[in-house]
Amino acid sequence: MHTAATTRVEASIRAFALSVGLAAMLGGAAPSVSAELSDPLSPLTSAGGSVLCFGRDYSPDHLTRHPKQMTKSVLLAFQQGFVDVVLTSRRGAPKRIGAGCGWREGAGIDTSDRKMIPNFNGAAGFDCTVVVGDSAEERGYFLIDPAQDAKSLTLFLLSPIGAESDKPGKTEGDSLDLGPEDRTFALTRINSKACEPFKATVK
């Protein structure tokens, strides 16, 4: 269902390096984060390479009431700063977005002090740089705003964004143009077994 492990690891390493560069570009060296702004997710994945899994399945009733929303389910796997997001559309195959993410106070603010995510008002979050396949080229950005109890998070996607098809052997990637109702998702913590395929791809 997913790309080869070696390709995913190499891409994730590059993505993580890019995310570090992005954080430096956006706000210089990361400032020390006060206790109330501490990263609630990474400490939970530091031991034994555990993975945190978040998701949401939208009901037919919800989709009927939101006809412009094309996404019917979202899965997010978080492990040591490496993140996979799978968007399943009403039409077509699921698309996977892979990124390296770094926690930063002032996340989502560019060098001109402009908010990249207009509806994100948090003081800190995860800046995530997207890459596709084995390319080192930056292919998009998203931001993760986790709850301090680590039981839920909000995912903010910029459009367009690079993604890979789940079709085996396809790694060149696509560029997804997301409508306004497919850019922000409230996800809750689910059983980590749902994200086991991603855990195997990170060393």
N, C-alpha and C. Protein backbone atom coordinates (compact mmCIF):
# COMPACT_ATOMS: atom_id res chain seq x y z
N MET A 1 0.83 -1.21 0.00
CA MET A 1 0.00 0.00 0.00
C MET A 1 0.86 1.25 0.00
N HIS A 2 2.01 1.21 0.70
CA HIS A 2 2.87 2.37 0.80
C HIS A 2 4.14 2.15 0.00
N THR A 3 4.95 3.22 -0.15
CA THR A 3 6.18 3.12 -0.91
C THR A 3 7.20 2.29 -0.15
N ALA A 4 8.28 1.91 -0.87
CA ALA A 4 9.31 1.06 -0.27
C ALA A 4 9.92 1.73 0.94
N ALA A 5 10.32 0.89 1.92
CA ALA A 5 10.83 1.42 3.19
C ALA A 5 12.06 2.28 3.00
N THR A 6 12.98 1.84 2.15
CA THR A 6 14.21 2.61 1.97
C THR A 6 13.92 3.99 1.40
N THR A 7 13.03 4.05 0.42
CA THR A 7 12.67 5.34 -0.17
C THR A 7 12.03 6.25 0.86
N ARG A 8 11.14 5.67 1.69
CA ARG A 8 10.44 6.47 2.69
C ARG A 8 11.40 7.01 3.75
N VAL A 9 12.34 6.18 4.19
CA VAL A 9 13.30 6.63 5.19
C VAL A 9 14.16 7.75 4.64
N GLU A 10 14.68 7.57 3.42
CA GLU A 10 15.53 8.60 2.83
C GLU A 10 14.75 9.89 2.66
N ALA A 11 13.51 9.80 2.17
CA ALA A 11 12.70 11.00 1.99
C ALA A 11 12.39 11.67 3.32
N SER A 12 12.12 10.86 4.35
CA SER A 12 11.81 11.42 5.66
C SER A 12 13.00 12.15 6.25
N ILE A 13 14.19 11.58 6.08
CA ILE A 13 15.39 12.24 6.58
C ILE A 13 15.57 13.59 5.90
N ARG A 14 15.39 13.60 4.58
CA ARG A 14 15.51 14.87 3.87
C ARG A 14 14.43 15.85 4.31
N ALA A 15 13.22 15.34 4.51
CA ALA A 15 12.11 16.21 4.93
C ALA A 15 12.39 16.81 6.29
N PHE A 16 12.94 15.99 7.19
CA PHE A 16 13.24 16.50 8.53
C PHE A 16 14.31 17.58 8.45
N ALA A 17 15.32 17.36 7.62
CA ALA A 17 16.36 18.38 7.45
C ALA A 17 15.78 19.65 6.87
N LEU A 18 14.87 19.49 5.90
CA LEU A 18 14.22 20.65 5.30
C LEU A 18 13.37 21.40 6.32
N SER A 19 12.70 20.65 7.20
CA SER A 19 11.86 21.30 8.21
C SER A 19 12.70 22.11 9.16
N VAL A 20 13.89 21.61 9.50
CA VAL A 20 14.80 22.38 10.36
C VAL A 20 15.20 23.66 9.65
N GLY A 21 15.50 23.53 8.35
CA GLY A 21 15.84 24.72 7.57
C GLY A 21 14.68 25.68 7.47
N LEU A 22 13.47 25.15 7.34
CA LEU A 22 12.29 26.00 7.25
C LEU A 22 12.10 26.77 8.54
N ALA A 23 12.26 26.09 9.68
CA ALA A 23 12.09 26.77 10.96
C ALA A 23 13.10 27.90 11.10
N ALA A 24 14.34 27.65 10.66
CA ALA A 24 15.35 28.68 10.73
C ALA A 24 15.01 29.84 9.80
N MET A 25 14.49 29.51 8.61
CA MET A 25 14.14 30.53 7.65
C MET A 25 12.98 31.38 8.15
N LEU A 26 12.00 30.73 8.77
CA LEU A 26 10.81 31.45 9.21
C LEU A 26 11.07 32.32 10.43
N GLY A 27 11.85 31.80 11.37
CA GLY A 27 11.97 32.56 12.60
C GLY A 27 13.33 32.54 13.23
N GLY A 28 14.37 32.21 12.48
CA GLY A 28 15.70 32.15 13.05
C GLY A 28 15.84 30.96 13.97
N ALA A 29 16.84 30.98 14.82
CA ALA A 29 17.06 29.88 15.75
C ALA A 29 15.86 29.75 16.66
N ALA A 30 15.41 28.51 16.87
CA ALA A 30 14.21 28.29 17.67
C ALA A 30 14.44 28.76 19.10
N PRO A 31 13.53 29.60 19.63
CA PRO A 31 13.69 30.08 20.99
C PRO A 31 13.35 28.98 21.98
N SER A 32 13.81 29.16 23.21
CA SER A 32 13.43 28.20 24.24
C SER A 32 11.94 28.29 24.48
N VAL A 33 11.29 27.16 24.62
CA VAL A 33 9.83 27.13 24.74
C VAL A 33 9.46 27.00 26.20
N SER A 34 8.58 27.86 26.67
CA SER A 34 8.14 27.81 28.05
C SER A 34 7.30 26.55 28.28
N ALA A 35 7.09 26.22 29.55
CA ALA A 35 6.42 24.96 29.89
C ALA A 35 5.05 24.85 29.24
N GLU A 36 4.30 25.96 29.25
CA GLU A 36 2.95 25.90 28.69
C GLU A 36 2.95 25.80 27.17
N LEU A 37 4.10 26.01 26.55
CA LEU A 37 4.21 25.90 25.10
C LEU A 37 5.05 24.69 24.70
N SER A 38 5.22 23.75 25.58
CA SER A 38 6.07 22.60 25.29
C SER A 38 5.40 21.65 24.31
N ASP A 39 6.23 20.95 23.57
CA ASP A 39 5.78 19.96 22.58
C ASP A 39 5.16 18.77 23.30
N PRO A 40 3.85 18.50 23.11
CA PRO A 40 3.21 17.39 23.83
C PRO A 40 3.32 16.04 23.14
N LEU A 41 3.78 16.00 21.89
CA LEU A 41 3.77 14.75 21.13
C LEU A 41 5.11 14.03 21.11
N SER A 42 6.18 14.75 20.81
CA SER A 42 7.47 14.09 20.63
C SER A 42 7.93 13.27 21.84
N PRO A 43 7.71 13.75 23.10
CA PRO A 43 8.14 12.92 24.24
C PRO A 43 7.45 11.56 24.28
N LEU A 44 6.27 11.45 23.69
CA LEU A 44 5.54 10.19 23.70
C LEU A 44 6.05 9.20 22.66
N THR A 45 6.89 9.68 21.74
CA THR A 45 7.41 8.80 20.69
C THR A 45 8.91 8.56 20.82
N SER A 46 9.52 9.13 21.86
CA SER A 46 10.97 9.06 21.97
C SER A 46 11.47 7.69 22.42
N ALA A 47 10.63 6.94 23.12
CA ALA A 47 11.06 5.63 23.63
C ALA A 47 10.53 4.51 22.74
N GLY A 48 11.44 3.70 22.23
CA GLY A 48 11.04 2.52 21.47
C GLY A 48 10.46 2.79 20.10
N GLY A 49 10.62 4.01 19.60
CA GLY A 49 10.13 4.32 18.27
C GLY A 49 8.63 4.17 18.13
N SER A 50 7.89 4.50 19.19
CA SER A 50 6.44 4.35 19.14
C SER A 50 5.83 5.38 18.19
N VAL A 51 4.65 5.10 17.71
CA VAL A 51 3.96 5.97 16.77
C VAL A 51 2.63 6.41 17.39
N LEU A 52 2.31 7.68 17.21
CA LEU A 52 1.02 8.21 17.63
C LEU A 52 0.12 8.28 16.41
N CYS A 53 -1.11 7.88 16.56
CA CYS A 53 -2.04 7.79 15.44
C CYS A 53 -3.27 8.65 15.71
N PHE A 54 -3.62 9.47 14.74
CA PHE A 54 -4.79 10.34 14.84
C PHE A 54 -5.62 10.15 13.57
N GLY A 55 -6.93 10.29 13.69
CA GLY A 55 -7.75 10.10 12.51
C GLY A 55 -9.15 10.64 12.65
N ARG A 56 -9.86 10.61 11.53
CA ARG A 56 -11.27 10.98 11.52
C ARG A 56 -11.92 10.40 10.27
N ASP A 57 -13.05 9.79 10.45
CA ASP A 57 -13.89 9.32 9.35
C ASP A 57 -15.16 10.16 9.34
N TYR A 58 -15.45 10.79 8.21
CA TYR A 58 -16.62 11.65 8.12
C TYR A 58 -17.84 10.82 7.72
N SER A 59 -18.94 11.04 8.41
CA SER A 59 -20.16 10.28 8.17
C SER A 59 -20.81 10.73 6.86
N PRO A 60 -21.61 9.86 6.25
CA PRO A 60 -22.35 10.26 5.05
C PRO A 60 -23.22 11.49 5.29
N ASP A 61 -23.77 11.60 6.50
CA ASP A 61 -24.60 12.77 6.81
C ASP A 61 -23.77 14.05 6.79
N HIS A 62 -22.57 13.99 7.38
CA HIS A 62 -21.69 15.16 7.37
C HIS A 62 -21.33 15.55 5.93
N LEU A 63 -21.00 14.56 5.11
CA LEU A 63 -20.60 14.85 3.74
C LEU A 63 -21.77 15.39 2.92
N THR A 64 -22.98 14.95 3.24
CA THR A 64 -24.16 15.49 2.56
C THR A 64 -24.35 16.96 2.90
N ARG A 65 -24.07 17.29 4.18
CA ARG A 65 -24.24 18.67 4.63
C ARG A 65 -23.08 19.57 4.19
N HIS A 66 -21.97 18.95 3.74
CA HIS A 66 -20.81 19.71 3.26
C HIS A 66 -20.41 19.18 1.88
N PRO A 67 -21.23 19.48 0.87
CA PRO A 67 -20.99 18.92 -0.47
C PRO A 67 -19.67 19.34 -1.11
N LYS A 68 -19.08 20.43 -0.65
CA LYS A 68 -17.81 20.88 -1.23
C LYS A 68 -16.61 20.21 -0.59
N GLN A 69 -16.82 19.48 0.51
CA GLN A 69 -15.72 18.75 1.13
C GLN A 69 -15.52 17.44 0.40
N MET A 70 -14.32 17.26 -0.18
CA MET A 70 -14.03 16.06 -0.94
C MET A 70 -13.41 14.95 -0.10
N THR A 71 -12.85 15.29 1.06
CA THR A 71 -12.16 14.31 1.91
C THR A 71 -13.15 13.58 2.79
N LYS A 72 -13.14 12.25 2.70
CA LYS A 72 -14.06 11.47 3.54
C LYS A 72 -13.38 10.86 4.76
N SER A 73 -12.04 10.77 4.76
CA SER A 73 -11.33 10.29 5.94
C SER A 73 -9.91 10.82 5.93
N VAL A 74 -9.36 10.97 7.15
CA VAL A 74 -7.99 11.46 7.33
C VAL A 74 -7.30 10.58 8.36
N LEU A 75 -6.06 10.20 8.07
CA LEU A 75 -5.23 9.44 9.01
C LEU A 75 -3.89 10.15 9.12
N LEU A 76 -3.42 10.35 10.36
CA LEU A 76 -2.13 11.00 10.58
C LEU A 76 -1.29 10.15 11.51
N ALA A 77 -0.08 9.78 11.04
CA ALA A 77 0.87 8.99 11.83
C ALA A 77 2.04 9.89 12.21
N PHE A 78 2.29 10.01 13.52
CA PHE A 78 3.36 10.88 14.03
C PHE A 78 4.39 10.03 14.73
N GLN A 79 5.64 10.13 14.26
CA GLN A 79 6.72 9.37 14.91
C GLN A 79 8.01 10.16 14.86
N GLN A 80 8.47 10.61 16.03
CA GLN A 80 9.77 11.29 16.16
C GLN A 80 9.94 12.40 15.14
N GLY A 81 8.92 13.19 14.94
CA GLY A 81 9.01 14.31 14.02
C GLY A 81 8.74 13.98 12.57
N PHE A 82 8.61 12.71 12.23
CA PHE A 82 8.25 12.31 10.87
C PHE A 82 6.75 12.06 10.83
N VAL A 83 6.09 12.64 9.87
CA VAL A 83 4.63 12.57 9.82
C VAL A 83 4.16 12.09 8.45
N ASP A 84 3.20 11.18 8.46
CA ASP A 84 2.48 10.76 7.26
C ASP A 84 1.02 11.14 7.43
N VAL A 85 0.46 11.75 6.40
CA VAL A 85 -0.96 12.08 6.38
C VAL A 85 -1.58 11.39 5.17
N VAL A 86 -2.65 10.65 5.39
CA VAL A 86 -3.35 10.01 4.28
C VAL A 86 -4.74 10.63 4.17
N LEU A 87 -5.01 11.20 3.01
CA LEU A 87 -6.33 11.77 2.71
C LEU A 87 -7.05 10.82 1.76
N THR A 88 -8.23 10.38 2.16
CA THR A 88 -9.04 9.54 1.29
C THR A 88 -10.20 10.38 0.77
N SER A 89 -10.28 10.49 -0.54
CA SER A 89 -11.27 11.35 -1.17
C SER A 89 -12.55 10.58 -1.47
N ARG A 90 -13.61 11.32 -1.68
CA ARG A 90 -14.86 10.71 -2.16
C ARG A 90 -14.62 10.02 -3.50
N ARG A 91 -13.68 10.58 -4.26
CA ARG A 91 -13.38 10.04 -5.58
C ARG A 91 -11.89 9.75 -5.68
N GLY A 92 -11.53 8.60 -6.20
CA GLY A 92 -10.14 8.29 -6.44
C GLY A 92 -9.47 7.60 -5.26
N ALA A 93 -8.19 7.26 -5.46
CA ALA A 93 -7.43 6.51 -4.48
C ALA A 93 -6.93 7.43 -3.36
N PRO A 94 -6.64 6.85 -2.18
CA PRO A 94 -6.05 7.65 -1.10
C PRO A 94 -4.72 8.26 -1.52
N LYS A 95 -4.42 9.43 -0.97
CA LYS A 95 -3.17 10.13 -1.24
C LYS A 95 -2.41 10.30 0.07
N ARG A 96 -1.09 10.01 0.03
CA ARG A 96 -0.26 10.13 1.22
C ARG A 96 0.67 11.33 1.10
N ILE A 97 0.70 12.13 2.16
CA ILE A 97 1.56 13.30 2.24
C ILE A 97 2.61 13.00 3.31
N GLY A 98 3.88 13.00 2.95
CA GLY A 98 4.96 12.73 3.89
C GLY A 98 5.75 14.00 4.18
N ALA A 99 6.13 14.19 5.45
CA ALA A 99 6.83 15.43 5.82
C ALA A 99 7.72 15.23 7.04
N GLY A 100 8.70 16.11 7.15
CA GLY A 100 9.48 16.24 8.38
C GLY A 100 8.96 17.44 9.14
N CYS A 101 8.72 17.27 10.44
CA CYS A 101 8.07 18.32 11.22
C CYS A 101 8.91 18.71 12.43
N GLY A 102 8.98 19.99 12.71
CA GLY A 102 9.71 20.48 13.86
C GLY A 102 8.84 21.40 14.70
N TRP A 103 8.87 21.21 16.01
CA TRP A 103 8.08 22.04 16.94
C TRP A 103 8.73 23.42 17.05
N ARG A 104 7.91 24.47 16.99
CA ARG A 104 8.47 25.82 17.03
C ARG A 104 7.47 26.81 17.61
N GLU A 105 7.95 27.63 18.53
CA GLU A 105 7.15 28.77 18.97
C GLU A 105 7.13 29.78 17.83
N GLY A 106 5.95 30.27 17.48
CA GLY A 106 5.82 31.14 16.33
C GLY A 106 5.64 30.36 15.04
N ALA A 107 5.17 29.13 15.13
CA ALA A 107 4.94 28.30 13.93
C ALA A 107 3.95 28.98 13.00
N GLY A 108 4.18 28.79 11.71
CA GLY A 108 3.26 29.31 10.71
C GLY A 108 3.45 30.78 10.37
N ILE A 109 4.53 31.39 10.86
CA ILE A 109 4.81 32.79 10.56
C ILE A 109 6.02 32.86 9.64
N ASP A 110 5.88 33.56 8.53
CA ASP A 110 6.99 33.63 7.59
C ASP A 110 7.94 34.78 7.93
N THR A 111 8.96 34.99 7.09
CA THR A 111 9.98 35.99 7.38
C THR A 111 9.46 37.42 7.31
N SER A 112 8.29 37.60 6.71
CA SER A 112 7.67 38.93 6.67
C SER A 112 6.65 39.11 7.79
N ASP A 113 6.70 38.21 8.78
CA ASP A 113 5.78 38.25 9.91
C ASP A 113 4.34 38.08 9.45
N ARG A 114 4.16 37.30 8.38
CA ARG A 114 2.83 37.05 7.83
C ARG A 114 2.38 35.65 8.19
N LYS A 115 1.11 35.52 8.57
CA LYS A 115 0.55 34.22 8.90
C LYS A 115 0.33 33.42 7.62
N MET A 116 0.93 32.25 7.54
CA MET A 116 0.72 31.37 6.39
C MET A 116 -0.59 30.62 6.52
N ILE A 117 -1.04 30.39 7.76
CA ILE A 117 -2.31 29.71 8.02
C ILE A 117 -3.23 30.72 8.70
N PRO A 118 -4.11 31.38 7.96
CA PRO A 118 -4.91 32.46 8.54
C PRO A 118 -5.72 32.08 9.77
N ASN A 119 -6.23 30.84 9.82
CA ASN A 119 -7.08 30.46 10.94
C ASN A 119 -6.34 29.73 12.05
N PHE A 120 -4.99 29.79 12.06
CA PHE A 120 -4.22 29.26 13.17
C PHE A 120 -3.77 30.41 14.05
N ASN A 121 -4.15 30.38 15.32
CA ASN A 121 -3.84 31.47 16.24
C ASN A 121 -3.01 31.00 17.43
N GLY A 122 -2.46 29.79 17.36
CA GLY A 122 -1.67 29.26 18.46
C GLY A 122 -0.30 29.92 18.56
N ALA A 123 0.29 29.81 19.76
CA ALA A 123 1.61 30.40 19.99
C ALA A 123 2.74 29.48 19.53
N ALA A 124 2.45 28.17 19.40
CA ALA A 124 3.46 27.21 18.98
C ALA A 124 2.78 26.06 18.24
N GLY A 125 3.56 25.35 17.47
CA GLY A 125 3.02 24.22 16.71
C GLY A 125 4.13 23.54 15.93
N PHE A 126 3.75 22.60 15.08
CA PHE A 126 4.71 21.89 14.24
C PHE A 126 4.70 22.46 12.83
N ASP A 127 5.85 23.02 12.41
CA ASP A 127 6.05 23.38 11.00
C ASP A 127 6.45 22.11 10.27
N CYS A 128 5.77 21.79 9.17
CA CYS A 128 6.02 20.54 8.45
C CYS A 128 6.33 20.82 6.98
N THR A 129 7.49 20.34 6.53
CA THR A 129 7.91 20.49 5.14
C THR A 129 7.67 19.20 4.38
N VAL A 130 6.98 19.29 3.27
CA VAL A 130 6.56 18.13 2.50
C VAL A 130 7.56 17.81 1.40
N VAL A 131 7.89 16.51 1.25
CA VAL A 131 8.63 16.03 0.09
C VAL A 131 7.89 14.82 -0.46
N VAL A 132 8.16 14.49 -1.72
CA VAL A 132 7.50 13.37 -2.37
C VAL A 132 8.52 12.40 -2.91
N GLY A 133 8.32 11.10 -2.63
CA GLY A 133 9.22 10.07 -3.13
C GLY A 133 10.63 10.27 -2.64
N ASP A 134 11.62 10.11 -3.54
CA ASP A 134 13.02 10.25 -3.15
C ASP A 134 13.58 11.61 -3.53
N SER A 135 12.69 12.57 -3.79
CA SER A 135 13.13 13.91 -4.16
C SER A 135 13.40 14.75 -2.93
N ALA A 136 14.39 15.63 -3.01
CA ALA A 136 14.68 16.56 -1.91
C ALA A 136 13.96 17.89 -2.10
N GLU A 137 13.19 17.99 -3.18
CA GLU A 137 12.49 19.24 -3.47
C GLU A 137 11.33 19.45 -2.50
N GLU A 138 11.21 20.64 -1.96
CA GLU A 138 10.08 20.96 -1.10
C GLU A 138 8.81 21.00 -1.94
N ARG A 139 7.78 20.31 -1.45
CA ARG A 139 6.54 20.20 -2.22
C ARG A 139 5.32 20.66 -1.44
N GLY A 140 5.54 21.48 -0.44
CA GLY A 140 4.39 22.01 0.28
C GLY A 140 4.65 22.16 1.76
N TYR A 141 3.63 22.58 2.46
CA TYR A 141 3.75 22.88 3.89
C TYR A 141 2.42 22.55 4.58
N PHE A 142 2.53 22.03 5.80
CA PHE A 142 1.35 21.97 6.67
C PHE A 142 1.76 22.21 8.11
N LEU A 143 0.78 22.48 8.95
CA LEU A 143 1.02 22.80 10.35
C LEU A 143 0.16 21.91 11.22
N ILE A 144 0.73 21.43 12.32
CA ILE A 144 0.00 20.61 13.28
C ILE A 144 -0.10 21.36 14.60
N ASP A 145 -1.31 21.50 15.10
CA ASP A 145 -1.58 22.16 16.38
C ASP A 145 -2.14 21.11 17.34
N PRO A 146 -1.28 20.50 18.19
CA PRO A 146 -1.76 19.44 19.08
C PRO A 146 -2.32 20.00 20.39
N ALA A 147 -3.29 19.29 20.95
CA ALA A 147 -3.77 19.61 22.28
C ALA A 147 -2.69 19.23 23.29
N GLN A 148 -2.63 19.93 24.41
CA GLN A 148 -1.58 19.65 25.39
C GLN A 148 -1.72 18.27 26.03
N ASP A 149 -2.91 17.69 25.99
CA ASP A 149 -3.07 16.33 26.53
C ASP A 149 -2.75 15.26 25.49
N ALA A 150 -2.36 15.68 24.27
CA ALA A 150 -1.95 14.77 23.19
C ALA A 150 -3.07 13.83 22.74
N LYS A 151 -4.31 14.15 23.06
CA LYS A 151 -5.42 13.29 22.67
C LYS A 151 -6.10 13.75 21.39
N SER A 152 -5.74 14.92 20.91
CA SER A 152 -6.34 15.44 19.68
C SER A 152 -5.38 16.45 19.07
N LEU A 153 -5.66 16.81 17.83
CA LEU A 153 -4.87 17.85 17.16
C LEU A 153 -5.68 18.43 16.01
N THR A 154 -5.23 19.59 15.55
CA THR A 154 -5.81 20.19 14.35
C THR A 154 -4.73 20.23 13.28
N LEU A 155 -5.09 19.77 12.10
CA LEU A 155 -4.18 19.72 10.96
C LEU A 155 -4.57 20.82 9.98
N PHE A 156 -3.60 21.67 9.62
CA PHE A 156 -3.83 22.75 8.67
C PHE A 156 -2.95 22.50 7.44
N LEU A 157 -3.56 22.37 6.28
CA LEU A 157 -2.85 22.10 5.04
C LEU A 157 -2.85 23.33 4.14
N LEU A 158 -1.69 23.65 3.56
CA LEU A 158 -1.64 24.67 2.52
C LEU A 158 -1.87 24.00 1.17
N SER A 159 -2.50 24.71 0.26
CA SER A 159 -2.75 24.18 -1.08
C SER A 159 -2.09 25.10 -2.10
N PRO A 160 -1.48 24.48 -3.15
CA PRO A 160 -1.38 23.04 -3.44
C PRO A 160 -0.34 22.37 -2.56
N ILE A 161 -0.38 21.04 -2.51
CA ILE A 161 0.53 20.28 -1.68
C ILE A 161 0.90 18.98 -2.39
N GLY A 162 2.15 18.56 -2.24
CA GLY A 162 2.61 17.34 -2.90
C GLY A 162 2.13 16.10 -2.17
N ALA A 163 1.80 15.07 -2.92
CA ALA A 163 1.32 13.82 -2.34
C ALA A 163 1.70 12.66 -3.25
N GLU A 164 1.71 11.47 -2.65
CA GLU A 164 1.96 10.25 -3.39
C GLU A 164 0.70 9.40 -3.42
N SER A 165 0.51 8.70 -4.52
CA SER A 165 -0.57 7.73 -4.59
C SER A 165 -0.19 6.50 -3.77
N ASP A 166 -1.20 5.82 -3.23
CA ASP A 166 -0.94 4.57 -2.52
C ASP A 166 -0.73 3.41 -3.49
N LYS A 167 -0.83 3.68 -4.78
CA LYS A 167 -0.63 2.62 -5.77
C LYS A 167 0.83 2.17 -5.74
N PRO A 168 1.09 0.88 -5.56
CA PRO A 168 2.48 0.39 -5.47
C PRO A 168 3.30 0.79 -6.69
N GLY A 169 4.53 1.23 -6.42
CA GLY A 169 5.44 1.56 -7.49
C GLY A 169 5.34 2.96 -8.02
N LYS A 170 4.32 3.71 -7.58
CA LYS A 170 4.18 5.07 -8.07
C LYS A 170 4.77 6.03 -7.05
N THR A 171 5.88 6.69 -7.40
CA THR A 171 6.55 7.57 -6.44
C THR A 171 6.78 8.97 -6.98
N GLU A 172 6.35 9.24 -8.24
CA GLU A 172 6.63 10.56 -8.79
C GLU A 172 5.79 11.64 -8.13
N GLY A 173 4.64 11.27 -7.61
CA GLY A 173 3.85 12.20 -6.84
C GLY A 173 2.89 13.03 -7.66
N ASP A 174 1.92 13.60 -6.97
CA ASP A 174 0.92 14.46 -7.56
C ASP A 174 0.91 15.77 -6.79
N SER A 175 0.30 16.77 -7.37
CA SER A 175 0.09 18.04 -6.69
C SER A 175 -1.40 18.16 -6.43
N LEU A 176 -1.77 18.18 -5.15
CA LEU A 176 -3.18 18.26 -4.79
C LEU A 176 -3.61 19.71 -4.63
N ASP A 177 -4.68 20.07 -5.30
CA ASP A 177 -5.31 21.37 -5.10
C ASP A 177 -6.50 21.15 -4.17
N LEU A 178 -6.39 21.69 -2.97
CA LEU A 178 -7.41 21.45 -1.95
C LEU A 178 -8.33 22.65 -1.82
N GLY A 179 -9.63 22.38 -1.81
CA GLY A 179 -10.61 23.43 -1.61
C GLY A 179 -10.63 23.90 -0.17
N PRO A 180 -11.33 24.99 0.12
CA PRO A 180 -11.37 25.54 1.48
C PRO A 180 -11.83 24.54 2.54
N GLU A 181 -12.71 23.59 2.18
CA GLU A 181 -13.22 22.64 3.17
C GLU A 181 -12.35 21.39 3.29
N ASP A 182 -11.21 21.38 2.61
CA ASP A 182 -10.31 20.23 2.68
C ASP A 182 -8.91 20.65 3.15
N ARG A 183 -8.86 21.72 3.93
CA ARG A 183 -7.55 22.22 4.38
C ARG A 183 -7.39 22.20 5.90
N THR A 184 -8.47 22.07 6.64
CA THR A 184 -8.40 22.07 8.11
C THR A 184 -9.18 20.88 8.65
N PHE A 185 -8.53 20.06 9.49
CA PHE A 185 -9.16 18.86 10.01
C PHE A 185 -8.88 18.72 11.50
N ALA A 186 -9.94 18.46 12.27
CA ALA A 186 -9.82 18.18 13.70
C ALA A 186 -9.76 16.66 13.87
N LEU A 187 -8.63 16.15 14.37
CA LEU A 187 -8.42 14.71 14.48
C LEU A 187 -8.29 14.30 15.94
N THR A 188 -8.70 13.09 16.24
CA THR A 188 -8.59 12.56 17.60
C THR A 188 -7.65 11.36 17.62
N ARG A 189 -7.07 11.11 18.77
CA ARG A 189 -6.13 9.99 18.95
C ARG A 189 -6.89 8.68 18.80
N ILE A 190 -6.35 7.77 18.00
CA ILE A 190 -6.95 6.46 17.79
C ILE A 190 -5.91 5.38 18.06
N ASN A 191 -6.33 4.13 17.99
CA ASN A 191 -5.43 3.01 18.27
C ASN A 191 -4.23 3.06 17.32
N SER A 192 -3.02 2.92 17.89
CA SER A 192 -1.80 3.03 17.09
C SER A 192 -1.68 1.94 16.03
N LYS A 193 -2.46 0.86 16.17
CA LYS A 193 -2.41 -0.21 15.17
C LYS A 193 -2.80 0.30 13.79
N ALA A 194 -3.62 1.33 13.75
CA ALA A 194 -4.04 1.88 12.46
C ALA A 194 -2.88 2.49 11.70
N CYS A 195 -1.80 2.83 12.41
CA CYS A 195 -0.63 3.46 11.79
C CYS A 195 0.58 2.54 11.73
N GLU A 196 0.40 1.28 12.01
CA GLU A 196 1.52 0.34 11.99
C GLU A 196 2.27 0.32 10.65
N PRO A 197 1.59 0.43 9.49
CA PRO A 197 2.34 0.43 8.23
C PRO A 197 3.37 1.53 8.14
N PHE A 198 3.14 2.65 8.82
CA PHE A 198 4.08 3.76 8.77
C PHE A 198 5.24 3.54 9.73
N LYS A 199 4.97 2.89 10.85
CA LYS A 199 6.03 2.65 11.83
C LYS A 199 7.16 1.84 11.22
N ALA A 200 6.87 0.92 10.36
CA ALA A 200 7.89 0.05 9.76
C ALA A 200 8.81 0.80 8.82
N THR A 201 8.41 2.00 8.38
CA THR A 201 9.21 2.72 7.40
C THR A 201 10.18 3.70 8.02
N VAL A 202 10.18 3.82 9.36
CA VAL A 202 11.09 4.77 10.02
C VAL A 202 12.04 4.00 10.92
N LYS A 203 13.33 4.25 10.78
CA LYS A 203 14.33 3.58 11.60
C LYS A 203 14.75 4.47 12.75
